[in-house]
């Protein structure tokens, strides 16, 4: 499926301007935009990585979305296939083989990050799935051991009423169970929003991804 109908990516950047620096890609939620999620950067590692917040390609509700939905947290398979192809076209240009890439997605961006990771698990140095679901039943593989050895950070709100609880639970069980991922997981007492405690834990997790022992070194 061609990605031609989508506009050229709009990207907001921060951090290192070294084209070889580890790249942390920030993926915003449905109805939001790239500048909103870029505001997390001051709470994340300042030294080492480059940050790129990408605007989703589908205009929706005064903001943008990563895919058409058939229900909250349930992507339309054809739409998700088209937008992930569009995104990979951008990523291939900015992160050729050898440049480490970590995905950080919130809500709808978490589902999109999950689609990218599950489709090409060997490409990414890790992924953070924040307050969202993996894209189940949307043409994306979720086989056992698919993410063996892949670092994943997952955070959920115990009181989240935006993402269906069944999808949150299914995501939690897959990532901590038969996915094979090296998963760091936390549940907060709040709802559908990133807490200060989760940001602190995410900061530490990203720092670990930037150590030589994790296979990623800063320039």
N, C-alpha and C. Protein backbone atom coordinates (compact mmCIF):
# COMPACT_ATOMS: atom_id res chain seq x y z
N UNK A 1 0.85 -1.19 0.00
CA UNK A 1 0.00 0.00 0.00
C UNK A 1 0.88 1.24 0.00
N UNK A 2 0.62 2.19 -0.87
CA UNK A 2 1.44 3.38 -1.00
C UNK A 2 1.19 4.34 0.15
N UNK A 3 2.30 5.00 0.59
CA UNK A 3 2.18 6.01 1.62
C UNK A 3 2.04 7.40 1.01
N UNK A 4 1.88 7.50 -0.33
CA UNK A 4 1.86 8.77 -1.05
C UNK A 4 0.82 9.76 -0.55
N UNK A 5 -0.40 9.32 -0.11
CA UNK A 5 -1.40 10.32 0.31
C UNK A 5 -1.00 11.12 1.54
N UNK A 6 -0.01 10.69 2.28
CA UNK A 6 0.36 11.37 3.50
C UNK A 6 1.35 12.50 3.23
N UNK A 7 1.32 13.55 4.05
CA UNK A 7 2.26 14.66 3.87
C UNK A 7 3.67 14.26 4.30
N UNK A 8 4.62 15.10 3.91
CA UNK A 8 5.99 14.90 4.39
C UNK A 8 6.00 15.01 5.91
N UNK A 9 6.80 14.21 6.59
CA UNK A 9 6.81 14.24 8.05
C UNK A 9 7.19 15.62 8.60
N UNK A 10 6.48 16.02 9.63
CA UNK A 10 6.84 17.20 10.40
C UNK A 10 7.49 16.71 11.69
N UNK A 11 8.72 17.16 11.94
CA UNK A 11 9.51 16.61 13.04
C UNK A 11 10.08 17.75 13.87
N UNK A 12 9.90 17.68 15.17
CA UNK A 12 10.52 18.61 16.11
C UNK A 12 11.66 17.89 16.80
N UNK A 13 12.80 18.55 16.93
CA UNK A 13 14.00 17.88 17.45
C UNK A 13 14.55 18.59 18.68
N UNK A 14 15.35 17.85 19.42
CA UNK A 14 16.05 18.37 20.58
C UNK A 14 17.25 17.47 20.84
N UNK A 15 18.10 17.88 21.75
CA UNK A 15 19.24 17.05 22.10
C UNK A 15 20.38 17.14 21.10
N UNK A 16 21.14 16.08 20.99
CA UNK A 16 22.33 16.07 20.14
C UNK A 16 21.98 16.31 18.68
N UNK A 17 22.85 17.04 17.99
CA UNK A 17 22.69 17.21 16.54
C UNK A 17 23.67 16.34 15.76
N UNK A 18 24.33 15.41 16.44
CA UNK A 18 25.22 14.46 15.80
C UNK A 18 24.37 13.43 15.05
N UNK A 19 24.53 13.31 13.72
CA UNK A 19 23.68 12.37 12.97
C UNK A 19 23.91 10.91 13.33
N UNK A 20 24.96 10.62 14.09
CA UNK A 20 25.20 9.25 14.52
C UNK A 20 24.80 8.97 15.94
N UNK A 21 24.31 9.99 16.65
CA UNK A 21 23.92 9.81 18.05
C UNK A 21 22.72 8.88 18.16
N UNK A 22 22.61 8.13 19.24
CA UNK A 22 21.40 7.34 19.46
C UNK A 22 20.16 8.23 19.33
N UNK A 23 19.14 7.72 18.66
CA UNK A 23 17.95 8.50 18.37
C UNK A 23 16.77 8.00 19.20
N UNK A 24 16.18 8.89 19.98
CA UNK A 24 14.96 8.59 20.72
C UNK A 24 13.80 9.23 19.96
N UNK A 25 12.90 8.40 19.45
CA UNK A 25 11.76 8.88 18.67
C UNK A 25 10.54 8.96 19.58
N UNK A 26 9.94 10.14 19.66
CA UNK A 26 8.79 10.38 20.53
C UNK A 26 7.52 10.42 19.69
N UNK A 27 6.53 9.61 20.08
CA UNK A 27 5.30 9.44 19.32
C UNK A 27 4.11 9.85 20.18
N UNK A 28 3.44 10.93 19.80
CA UNK A 28 2.39 11.53 20.62
C UNK A 28 1.09 10.74 20.55
N UNK A 29 0.15 11.12 21.39
CA UNK A 29 -1.14 10.46 21.43
C UNK A 29 -2.12 10.99 20.40
N UNK A 30 -3.25 10.32 20.27
CA UNK A 30 -4.29 10.71 19.30
C UNK A 30 -4.83 12.09 19.63
N UNK A 31 -4.93 12.92 18.59
CA UNK A 31 -5.45 14.27 18.77
C UNK A 31 -4.43 15.26 19.29
N UNK A 32 -3.19 14.83 19.47
CA UNK A 32 -2.12 15.69 19.96
C UNK A 32 -1.20 16.06 18.80
N UNK A 33 0.02 16.48 19.13
CA UNK A 33 0.97 16.90 18.10
C UNK A 33 2.38 16.73 18.64
N UNK A 34 3.36 16.93 17.77
CA UNK A 34 4.75 16.64 18.10
C UNK A 34 5.31 17.54 19.20
N UNK A 35 4.87 18.79 19.26
CA UNK A 35 5.43 19.72 20.25
C UNK A 35 5.03 19.33 21.68
N UNK A 36 3.85 18.76 21.81
CA UNK A 36 3.38 18.39 23.15
C UNK A 36 4.26 17.29 23.75
N UNK A 37 4.55 16.26 22.97
CA UNK A 37 5.36 15.18 23.54
C UNK A 37 6.83 15.58 23.62
N UNK A 38 7.27 16.52 22.79
CA UNK A 38 8.65 16.99 22.89
C UNK A 38 8.90 17.66 24.24
N UNK A 39 7.82 18.14 24.89
CA UNK A 39 7.97 18.79 26.19
C UNK A 39 8.45 17.83 27.27
N UNK A 40 8.46 16.52 27.00
CA UNK A 40 9.00 15.56 27.96
C UNK A 40 10.52 15.59 28.02
N UNK A 41 11.17 16.09 26.98
CA UNK A 41 12.63 15.97 26.86
C UNK A 41 13.39 16.53 28.06
N UNK A 42 13.00 17.67 28.66
CA UNK A 42 13.74 18.15 29.83
C UNK A 42 13.75 17.17 31.00
N UNK A 43 12.85 16.18 31.00
CA UNK A 43 12.80 15.19 32.07
C UNK A 43 13.51 13.90 31.69
N UNK A 44 14.14 13.89 30.50
CA UNK A 44 14.83 12.71 29.99
C UNK A 44 16.32 13.01 29.86
N UNK A 45 17.16 11.99 29.59
CA UNK A 45 18.60 12.22 29.56
C UNK A 45 19.00 13.35 28.62
N UNK A 46 19.81 14.29 29.14
CA UNK A 46 20.21 15.45 28.34
C UNK A 46 21.46 15.17 27.52
N UNK A 47 22.34 14.34 28.04
CA UNK A 47 23.62 14.10 27.37
C UNK A 47 23.55 12.81 26.57
N UNK A 48 23.91 12.90 25.30
CA UNK A 48 24.03 11.70 24.48
C UNK A 48 23.03 11.60 23.35
N UNK A 49 21.73 11.38 23.65
CA UNK A 49 20.82 11.08 22.55
C UNK A 49 20.32 12.31 21.80
N UNK A 50 19.88 12.06 20.58
CA UNK A 50 19.07 13.03 19.84
C UNK A 50 17.61 12.63 20.02
N UNK A 51 16.73 13.62 20.06
CA UNK A 51 15.30 13.38 20.20
C UNK A 51 14.59 13.89 18.95
N UNK A 52 13.65 13.09 18.46
CA UNK A 52 12.83 13.50 17.32
C UNK A 52 11.38 13.17 17.64
N UNK A 53 10.56 14.21 17.71
CA UNK A 53 9.12 14.04 17.92
C UNK A 53 8.45 14.20 16.56
N UNK A 54 7.78 13.15 16.11
CA UNK A 54 7.19 13.13 14.78
C UNK A 54 5.69 13.38 14.87
N UNK A 55 5.19 14.24 13.97
CA UNK A 55 3.75 14.48 13.89
C UNK A 55 3.08 13.34 13.13
N UNK A 56 2.03 12.77 13.72
CA UNK A 56 1.28 11.72 13.04
C UNK A 56 0.68 12.26 11.74
N UNK A 57 0.45 11.40 10.75
CA UNK A 57 0.09 11.89 9.42
C UNK A 57 -1.39 12.14 9.17
N UNK A 58 -2.28 11.77 10.10
CA UNK A 58 -3.72 11.89 9.87
C UNK A 58 -4.28 13.00 10.76
N UNK A 59 -4.84 14.05 10.15
CA UNK A 59 -5.43 15.14 10.92
C UNK A 59 -6.69 14.65 11.63
N UNK A 60 -6.78 14.98 12.92
CA UNK A 60 -7.96 14.55 13.69
C UNK A 60 -8.14 15.41 14.92
N UNK A 61 -9.33 15.96 15.08
CA UNK A 61 -9.71 16.64 16.32
C UNK A 61 -8.81 17.78 16.72
N UNK A 62 -8.36 18.59 15.78
CA UNK A 62 -7.46 19.68 16.10
C UNK A 62 -6.02 19.23 16.29
N UNK A 63 -5.78 17.94 16.19
CA UNK A 63 -4.44 17.39 16.29
C UNK A 63 -4.24 16.35 15.21
N UNK A 64 -3.56 15.26 15.57
CA UNK A 64 -3.18 14.27 14.56
C UNK A 64 -3.24 12.86 15.16
N UNK A 65 -3.42 11.88 14.27
CA UNK A 65 -3.55 10.49 14.70
C UNK A 65 -2.65 9.61 13.84
N UNK A 66 -2.27 8.47 14.42
CA UNK A 66 -1.35 7.55 13.74
C UNK A 66 -2.07 6.55 12.84
N UNK A 67 -3.37 6.36 13.07
CA UNK A 67 -4.12 5.38 12.28
C UNK A 67 -5.60 5.60 12.50
N UNK A 68 -6.41 5.10 11.57
CA UNK A 68 -7.85 5.09 11.77
C UNK A 68 -8.20 4.00 12.77
N UNK A 69 -9.21 4.26 13.58
CA UNK A 69 -9.63 3.33 14.62
C UNK A 69 -10.93 2.62 14.24
N UNK A 70 -11.07 1.39 14.71
CA UNK A 70 -12.37 0.72 14.65
C UNK A 70 -12.93 0.58 16.06
N UNK A 71 -12.43 1.41 16.94
CA UNK A 71 -12.76 1.40 18.36
C UNK A 71 -11.52 1.84 19.10
N UNK A 72 -11.67 2.39 20.29
CA UNK A 72 -10.51 2.90 21.02
C UNK A 72 -9.48 1.80 21.23
N UNK A 73 -8.24 2.08 20.79
CA UNK A 73 -7.16 1.12 20.93
C UNK A 73 -7.17 -0.01 19.93
N UNK A 74 -8.02 0.10 18.90
CA UNK A 74 -8.16 -0.97 17.92
C UNK A 74 -7.94 -0.41 16.51
N UNK A 75 -6.70 -0.41 16.03
CA UNK A 75 -6.40 0.18 14.73
C UNK A 75 -7.05 -0.59 13.58
N UNK A 76 -7.43 0.15 12.54
CA UNK A 76 -7.81 -0.47 11.28
C UNK A 76 -6.54 -0.97 10.61
N UNK A 77 -6.50 -2.24 10.27
CA UNK A 77 -5.26 -2.87 9.80
C UNK A 77 -4.70 -2.16 8.57
N UNK A 78 -5.55 -1.84 7.60
CA UNK A 78 -5.07 -1.21 6.37
C UNK A 78 -4.48 0.18 6.65
N UNK A 79 -5.11 0.91 7.55
CA UNK A 79 -4.60 2.23 7.90
C UNK A 79 -3.25 2.12 8.60
N UNK A 80 -3.13 1.20 9.54
CA UNK A 80 -1.88 1.02 10.27
C UNK A 80 -0.75 0.59 9.33
N UNK A 81 -1.06 -0.28 8.37
CA UNK A 81 -0.04 -0.70 7.40
C UNK A 81 0.46 0.49 6.59
N UNK A 82 -0.45 1.37 6.20
CA UNK A 82 -0.07 2.52 5.40
C UNK A 82 0.77 3.52 6.19
N UNK A 83 0.37 3.80 7.43
CA UNK A 83 1.11 4.80 8.20
C UNK A 83 2.46 4.27 8.69
N UNK A 84 2.55 2.99 9.00
CA UNK A 84 3.87 2.46 9.38
C UNK A 84 4.82 2.47 8.18
N UNK A 85 4.31 2.22 6.98
CA UNK A 85 5.16 2.29 5.78
C UNK A 85 5.65 3.72 5.58
N UNK A 86 4.76 4.69 5.76
CA UNK A 86 5.12 6.11 5.66
C UNK A 86 6.20 6.47 6.68
N UNK A 87 6.02 6.00 7.92
CA UNK A 87 6.99 6.30 8.97
C UNK A 87 8.35 5.68 8.66
N UNK A 88 8.35 4.44 8.19
CA UNK A 88 9.62 3.78 7.90
C UNK A 88 10.40 4.50 6.80
N UNK A 89 9.69 5.12 5.87
CA UNK A 89 10.37 5.90 4.84
C UNK A 89 11.18 7.03 5.45
N UNK A 90 10.59 7.70 6.45
CA UNK A 90 11.33 8.75 7.16
C UNK A 90 12.48 8.16 7.98
N UNK A 91 12.20 7.09 8.71
CA UNK A 91 13.21 6.51 9.59
C UNK A 91 14.40 5.99 8.80
N UNK A 92 14.17 5.42 7.64
CA UNK A 92 15.27 4.91 6.82
C UNK A 92 16.24 6.03 6.45
N UNK A 93 15.74 7.24 6.31
CA UNK A 93 16.59 8.37 5.95
C UNK A 93 17.40 8.88 7.13
N UNK A 94 16.77 8.97 8.29
CA UNK A 94 17.45 9.59 9.43
C UNK A 94 18.22 8.58 10.28
N UNK A 95 17.90 7.31 10.18
CA UNK A 95 18.55 6.29 11.01
C UNK A 95 18.92 5.08 10.15
N UNK A 96 19.97 5.22 9.35
CA UNK A 96 20.43 4.07 8.57
C UNK A 96 20.96 2.99 9.50
N UNK A 97 21.20 1.79 8.97
CA UNK A 97 21.72 0.70 9.82
C UNK A 97 22.94 1.14 10.61
N UNK A 98 22.94 0.78 11.88
CA UNK A 98 24.04 1.16 12.76
C UNK A 98 23.70 2.28 13.73
N UNK A 99 22.66 3.06 13.41
CA UNK A 99 22.25 4.11 14.35
C UNK A 99 21.18 3.55 15.28
N UNK A 100 21.44 3.50 16.58
CA UNK A 100 20.45 2.95 17.51
C UNK A 100 19.21 3.83 17.59
N UNK A 101 18.05 3.20 17.65
CA UNK A 101 16.78 3.90 17.74
C UNK A 101 15.97 3.33 18.89
N UNK A 102 15.50 4.21 19.77
CA UNK A 102 14.59 3.85 20.86
C UNK A 102 13.26 4.55 20.61
N UNK A 103 12.17 3.81 20.67
CA UNK A 103 10.83 4.37 20.48
C UNK A 103 10.19 4.67 21.83
N UNK A 104 9.54 5.83 21.94
CA UNK A 104 8.77 6.18 23.13
C UNK A 104 7.41 6.66 22.66
N UNK A 105 6.37 5.88 22.92
CA UNK A 105 5.04 6.23 22.47
C UNK A 105 4.05 6.34 23.61
N UNK A 106 3.20 7.36 23.53
CA UNK A 106 2.15 7.56 24.54
C UNK A 106 0.78 7.33 23.91
N UNK A 107 -0.08 6.55 24.56
CA UNK A 107 -1.46 6.32 24.16
C UNK A 107 -1.53 5.80 22.73
N UNK A 108 -2.11 6.55 21.78
CA UNK A 108 -2.12 6.09 20.40
C UNK A 108 -0.72 5.91 19.84
N UNK A 109 0.20 6.76 20.30
CA UNK A 109 1.60 6.61 19.90
C UNK A 109 2.23 5.35 20.45
N UNK A 110 1.70 4.86 21.60
CA UNK A 110 2.19 3.59 22.14
C UNK A 110 1.80 2.43 21.24
N UNK A 111 0.57 2.45 20.74
CA UNK A 111 0.13 1.41 19.81
C UNK A 111 0.95 1.45 18.54
N UNK A 112 1.26 2.67 18.07
CA UNK A 112 2.07 2.81 16.85
C UNK A 112 3.49 2.31 17.09
N UNK A 113 4.08 2.67 18.24
CA UNK A 113 5.41 2.17 18.58
C UNK A 113 5.41 0.65 18.65
N UNK A 114 4.33 0.09 19.24
CA UNK A 114 4.22 -1.36 19.31
C UNK A 114 4.16 -2.00 17.94
N UNK A 115 3.44 -1.37 17.01
CA UNK A 115 3.35 -1.90 15.65
C UNK A 115 4.72 -1.93 14.98
N UNK A 116 5.48 -0.85 15.15
CA UNK A 116 6.82 -0.79 14.56
C UNK A 116 7.74 -1.85 15.18
N UNK A 117 7.71 -1.95 16.50
CA UNK A 117 8.57 -2.90 17.20
C UNK A 117 8.24 -4.34 16.83
N UNK A 118 6.96 -4.68 16.84
CA UNK A 118 6.56 -6.05 16.57
C UNK A 118 6.81 -6.44 15.11
N UNK A 119 6.75 -5.47 14.21
CA UNK A 119 6.98 -5.76 12.80
C UNK A 119 8.46 -5.94 12.48
N UNK A 120 9.32 -5.21 13.21
CA UNK A 120 10.77 -5.28 12.98
C UNK A 120 11.51 -5.27 14.31
N UNK A 121 11.39 -6.30 15.12
CA UNK A 121 11.96 -6.25 16.46
C UNK A 121 13.47 -6.08 16.49
N UNK A 122 14.16 -6.54 15.45
CA UNK A 122 15.61 -6.42 15.44
C UNK A 122 16.11 -5.03 15.12
N UNK A 123 15.22 -4.16 14.68
CA UNK A 123 15.66 -2.83 14.25
C UNK A 123 15.85 -1.86 15.40
N UNK A 124 15.15 -2.10 16.51
CA UNK A 124 15.09 -1.10 17.57
C UNK A 124 15.85 -1.52 18.81
N UNK A 125 16.46 -0.52 19.45
CA UNK A 125 17.21 -0.76 20.67
C UNK A 125 16.31 -0.85 21.88
N UNK A 126 15.04 -0.57 21.70
CA UNK A 126 14.08 -0.66 22.79
C UNK A 126 12.84 0.15 22.46
N UNK A 127 11.79 -0.05 23.23
CA UNK A 127 10.55 0.70 23.03
C UNK A 127 9.85 0.88 24.37
N UNK A 128 9.31 2.08 24.57
CA UNK A 128 8.51 2.39 25.75
C UNK A 128 7.05 2.51 25.33
N UNK A 129 6.21 1.71 25.95
CA UNK A 129 4.78 1.65 25.65
C UNK A 129 4.06 2.30 26.83
N UNK A 130 3.71 3.58 26.69
CA UNK A 130 3.21 4.37 27.81
C UNK A 130 1.71 4.57 27.71
N UNK A 131 0.96 4.02 28.68
CA UNK A 131 -0.47 4.27 28.83
C UNK A 131 -1.22 3.98 27.52
N UNK A 132 -0.91 2.84 26.95
CA UNK A 132 -1.55 2.44 25.72
C UNK A 132 -1.52 0.94 25.55
N UNK A 133 -2.05 0.49 24.44
CA UNK A 133 -2.12 -0.93 24.14
C UNK A 133 -1.27 -1.27 22.93
N UNK A 134 -0.83 -2.48 22.87
CA UNK A 134 -0.27 -2.98 21.62
C UNK A 134 -1.39 -3.12 20.60
N UNK A 135 -1.05 -3.09 19.30
CA UNK A 135 -2.09 -3.14 18.26
C UNK A 135 -2.52 -4.57 17.94
N UNK A 136 -3.30 -5.15 18.83
CA UNK A 136 -3.75 -6.53 18.63
C UNK A 136 -4.79 -6.59 17.50
N UNK A 137 -4.80 -7.73 16.80
CA UNK A 137 -5.82 -7.99 15.77
C UNK A 137 -5.83 -6.92 14.69
N UNK A 138 -4.64 -6.44 14.33
CA UNK A 138 -4.53 -5.38 13.32
C UNK A 138 -3.48 -5.72 12.27
N UNK A 139 -3.27 -7.02 12.06
CA UNK A 139 -2.30 -7.44 11.06
C UNK A 139 -0.86 -7.40 11.52
N UNK A 140 -0.63 -7.18 12.81
CA UNK A 140 0.71 -7.10 13.38
C UNK A 140 0.99 -8.38 14.17
N UNK A 141 2.14 -9.03 13.97
CA UNK A 141 2.40 -10.29 14.67
C UNK A 141 2.58 -10.10 16.18
N UNK A 142 2.06 -11.02 16.94
CA UNK A 142 2.28 -11.06 18.40
C UNK A 142 2.60 -12.50 18.80
N UNK A 143 3.50 -13.11 18.05
CA UNK A 143 3.87 -14.50 18.29
C UNK A 143 4.65 -14.65 19.59
N UNK A 144 4.64 -15.83 20.20
CA UNK A 144 5.49 -16.08 21.36
C UNK A 144 6.96 -15.88 21.01
N UNK A 145 7.69 -15.30 21.96
CA UNK A 145 9.13 -15.11 21.84
C UNK A 145 9.52 -14.16 20.72
N UNK A 146 8.59 -13.43 20.16
CA UNK A 146 8.91 -12.51 19.07
C UNK A 146 9.88 -11.42 19.50
N UNK A 147 9.80 -11.00 20.76
CA UNK A 147 10.63 -9.90 21.25
C UNK A 147 11.74 -10.39 22.18
N UNK A 148 12.16 -11.62 22.01
CA UNK A 148 13.17 -12.19 22.90
C UNK A 148 14.40 -11.30 22.99
N UNK A 149 14.73 -10.88 24.22
CA UNK A 149 15.90 -10.07 24.46
C UNK A 149 15.72 -8.59 24.19
N UNK A 150 14.58 -8.17 23.68
CA UNK A 150 14.36 -6.76 23.35
C UNK A 150 13.95 -5.98 24.60
N UNK A 151 14.62 -4.87 24.91
CA UNK A 151 14.23 -4.07 26.08
C UNK A 151 12.92 -3.32 25.82
N UNK A 152 11.97 -3.48 26.72
CA UNK A 152 10.68 -2.80 26.63
C UNK A 152 10.36 -2.19 27.99
N UNK A 153 9.85 -0.98 27.96
CA UNK A 153 9.37 -0.30 29.17
C UNK A 153 7.87 -0.11 28.99
N UNK A 154 7.08 -0.58 29.93
CA UNK A 154 5.63 -0.42 29.84
C UNK A 154 5.12 0.23 31.12
N UNK A 155 4.28 1.25 30.96
CA UNK A 155 3.67 1.92 32.10
C UNK A 155 2.18 2.06 31.83
N UNK A 156 1.39 1.82 32.88
CA UNK A 156 -0.06 1.93 32.77
C UNK A 156 -0.61 2.62 34.02
N UNK A 157 -1.80 3.19 33.86
CA UNK A 157 -2.50 3.77 34.99
C UNK A 157 -3.58 2.83 35.47
N UNK A 158 -3.59 2.53 36.75
CA UNK A 158 -4.59 1.61 37.29
C UNK A 158 -6.01 2.15 37.11
N UNK A 159 -6.13 3.49 37.06
CA UNK A 159 -7.44 4.09 36.90
C UNK A 159 -7.71 4.60 35.50
N UNK A 160 -6.98 4.08 34.52
CA UNK A 160 -7.15 4.52 33.13
C UNK A 160 -8.53 4.13 32.63
N UNK A 161 -9.31 5.13 32.22
CA UNK A 161 -10.63 4.86 31.65
C UNK A 161 -10.70 5.21 30.17
N UNK A 162 -9.56 5.52 29.56
CA UNK A 162 -9.50 5.84 28.14
C UNK A 162 -9.26 4.59 27.31
N UNK A 163 -8.20 3.87 27.65
CA UNK A 163 -7.88 2.63 26.94
C UNK A 163 -8.66 1.50 27.62
N UNK A 164 -9.38 0.66 26.87
CA UNK A 164 -10.13 -0.44 27.50
C UNK A 164 -9.24 -1.32 28.37
N UNK A 165 -9.72 -1.63 29.55
CA UNK A 165 -8.93 -2.42 30.49
C UNK A 165 -8.53 -3.76 29.91
N UNK A 166 -9.37 -4.38 29.12
CA UNK A 166 -9.02 -5.68 28.53
C UNK A 166 -7.79 -5.56 27.65
N UNK A 167 -7.65 -4.45 26.93
CA UNK A 167 -6.48 -4.25 26.07
C UNK A 167 -5.23 -3.95 26.88
N UNK A 168 -5.39 -3.15 27.94
CA UNK A 168 -4.25 -2.88 28.82
C UNK A 168 -3.75 -4.18 29.45
N UNK A 169 -4.68 -5.00 29.93
CA UNK A 169 -4.28 -6.26 30.55
C UNK A 169 -3.62 -7.20 29.54
N UNK A 170 -4.16 -7.24 28.35
CA UNK A 170 -3.58 -8.11 27.31
C UNK A 170 -2.17 -7.67 26.96
N UNK A 171 -1.96 -6.35 26.90
CA UNK A 171 -0.62 -5.80 26.62
C UNK A 171 0.34 -6.17 27.74
N UNK A 172 -0.09 -5.97 28.96
CA UNK A 172 0.73 -6.27 30.14
C UNK A 172 1.12 -7.75 30.15
N UNK A 173 0.15 -8.60 29.93
CA UNK A 173 0.40 -10.05 29.98
C UNK A 173 1.33 -10.50 28.86
N UNK A 174 1.18 -9.93 27.68
CA UNK A 174 2.04 -10.32 26.56
C UNK A 174 3.47 -9.85 26.80
N UNK A 175 3.65 -8.60 27.19
CA UNK A 175 4.99 -8.07 27.35
C UNK A 175 5.74 -8.69 28.52
N UNK A 176 5.02 -9.03 29.58
CA UNK A 176 5.68 -9.65 30.72
C UNK A 176 5.66 -11.17 30.65
N UNK A 177 5.01 -11.70 29.63
CA UNK A 177 4.88 -13.15 29.50
C UNK A 177 5.57 -13.70 28.28
N UNK A 178 4.78 -14.18 27.31
CA UNK A 178 5.36 -14.98 26.25
C UNK A 178 5.98 -14.19 25.11
N UNK A 179 6.04 -12.84 25.20
CA UNK A 179 6.74 -12.07 24.16
C UNK A 179 8.24 -12.34 24.18
N UNK A 180 8.78 -12.67 25.37
CA UNK A 180 10.22 -12.86 25.50
C UNK A 180 10.99 -11.58 25.74
N UNK A 181 10.30 -10.44 25.77
CA UNK A 181 10.97 -9.15 25.95
C UNK A 181 11.57 -9.03 27.35
N UNK A 182 12.61 -8.21 27.44
CA UNK A 182 13.18 -7.84 28.73
C UNK A 182 12.41 -6.60 29.19
N UNK A 183 11.31 -6.85 29.89
CA UNK A 183 10.33 -5.80 30.15
C UNK A 183 10.50 -5.20 31.54
N UNK A 184 10.55 -3.88 31.59
CA UNK A 184 10.45 -3.11 32.83
C UNK A 184 9.03 -2.58 32.90
N UNK A 185 8.30 -2.91 33.94
CA UNK A 185 6.87 -2.59 33.98
C UNK A 185 6.50 -1.87 35.27
N UNK A 186 5.56 -0.93 35.14
CA UNK A 186 5.05 -0.24 36.33
C UNK A 186 3.61 0.16 36.10
N UNK A 187 2.82 0.10 37.15
CA UNK A 187 1.45 0.58 37.14
C UNK A 187 1.32 1.67 38.21
N UNK A 188 0.77 2.80 37.79
CA UNK A 188 0.57 3.92 38.69
C UNK A 188 -0.88 3.96 39.16
N UNK A 189 -1.16 4.57 40.30
CA UNK A 189 -2.53 4.65 40.78
C UNK A 189 -3.39 5.63 40.01
N UNK A 190 -2.79 6.43 39.13
CA UNK A 190 -3.54 7.44 38.40
C UNK A 190 -4.24 6.89 37.17
N UNK A 191 -4.61 7.83 36.27
CA UNK A 191 -5.37 7.46 35.10
C UNK A 191 -4.54 7.48 33.83
N UNK A 192 -5.07 8.18 32.81
CA UNK A 192 -4.46 8.17 31.48
C UNK A 192 -3.54 9.38 31.32
N UNK A 193 -2.44 9.36 32.04
CA UNK A 193 -1.49 10.47 31.97
C UNK A 193 -0.16 10.05 32.55
N UNK A 194 0.91 10.61 32.01
CA UNK A 194 2.27 10.24 32.44
C UNK A 194 2.57 10.90 33.77
N UNK A 195 2.89 10.11 34.78
CA UNK A 195 3.18 10.63 36.10
C UNK A 195 4.66 10.98 36.24
N UNK A 196 4.96 11.78 37.25
CA UNK A 196 6.36 12.15 37.52
C UNK A 196 7.18 10.91 37.83
N UNK A 197 6.60 9.96 38.56
CA UNK A 197 7.34 8.74 38.90
C UNK A 197 7.66 7.92 37.65
N UNK A 198 6.72 7.86 36.71
CA UNK A 198 6.99 7.14 35.48
C UNK A 198 8.06 7.83 34.66
N UNK A 199 8.03 9.16 34.59
CA UNK A 199 9.07 9.89 33.86
C UNK A 199 10.44 9.64 34.47
N UNK A 200 10.52 9.59 35.78
CA UNK A 200 11.79 9.31 36.44
C UNK A 200 12.28 7.91 36.08
N UNK A 201 11.38 6.94 36.11
CA UNK A 201 11.75 5.57 35.75
C UNK A 201 12.12 5.47 34.27
N UNK A 202 11.41 6.19 33.40
CA UNK A 202 11.72 6.19 31.98
C UNK A 202 13.09 6.80 31.72
N UNK A 203 13.40 7.87 32.43
CA UNK A 203 14.72 8.49 32.32
C UNK A 203 15.81 7.47 32.62
N UNK A 204 15.65 6.73 33.71
CA UNK A 204 16.65 5.72 34.06
C UNK A 204 16.73 4.61 33.04
N UNK A 205 15.60 4.20 32.50
CA UNK A 205 15.58 3.12 31.50
C UNK A 205 16.29 3.56 30.22
N UNK A 206 16.04 4.80 29.79
CA UNK A 206 16.72 5.29 28.59
C UNK A 206 18.21 5.40 28.84
N UNK A 207 18.62 5.86 30.02
CA UNK A 207 20.04 5.93 30.35
C UNK A 207 20.69 4.55 30.23
N UNK A 208 20.01 3.53 30.70
CA UNK A 208 20.54 2.17 30.58
C UNK A 208 20.71 1.76 29.12
N UNK A 209 19.81 2.21 28.27
CA UNK A 209 19.90 1.88 26.85
C UNK A 209 21.11 2.56 26.20
N UNK A 210 21.64 3.60 26.83
CA UNK A 210 22.76 4.35 26.25
C UNK A 210 24.11 3.90 26.76
N UNK A 211 24.14 2.85 27.58
CA UNK A 211 25.41 2.37 28.12
C UNK A 211 26.04 1.36 27.18
N UNK A 212 27.38 1.26 27.16
CA UNK A 212 28.03 0.26 26.31
C UNK A 212 27.54 -1.15 26.58
N UNK A 213 27.19 -1.46 27.84
CA UNK A 213 26.74 -2.80 28.17
C UNK A 213 25.44 -3.15 27.46
N UNK A 214 24.66 -2.12 27.12
CA UNK A 214 23.40 -2.34 26.41
C UNK A 214 23.59 -2.39 24.91
N UNK A 215 24.85 -2.24 24.48
CA UNK A 215 25.12 -2.30 23.05
C UNK A 215 24.97 -0.97 22.35
N UNK A 216 24.75 0.11 23.11
CA UNK A 216 24.63 1.44 22.54
C UNK A 216 25.63 2.34 23.25
N UNK A 217 26.43 3.04 22.50
CA UNK A 217 27.36 3.97 23.09
C UNK A 217 27.12 5.36 22.54
N UNK A 218 27.28 6.37 23.36
CA UNK A 218 27.14 7.74 22.90
C UNK A 218 28.40 8.13 22.15
N UNK A 219 28.28 9.09 21.22
CA UNK A 219 29.45 9.48 20.42
C UNK A 219 30.56 10.04 21.28
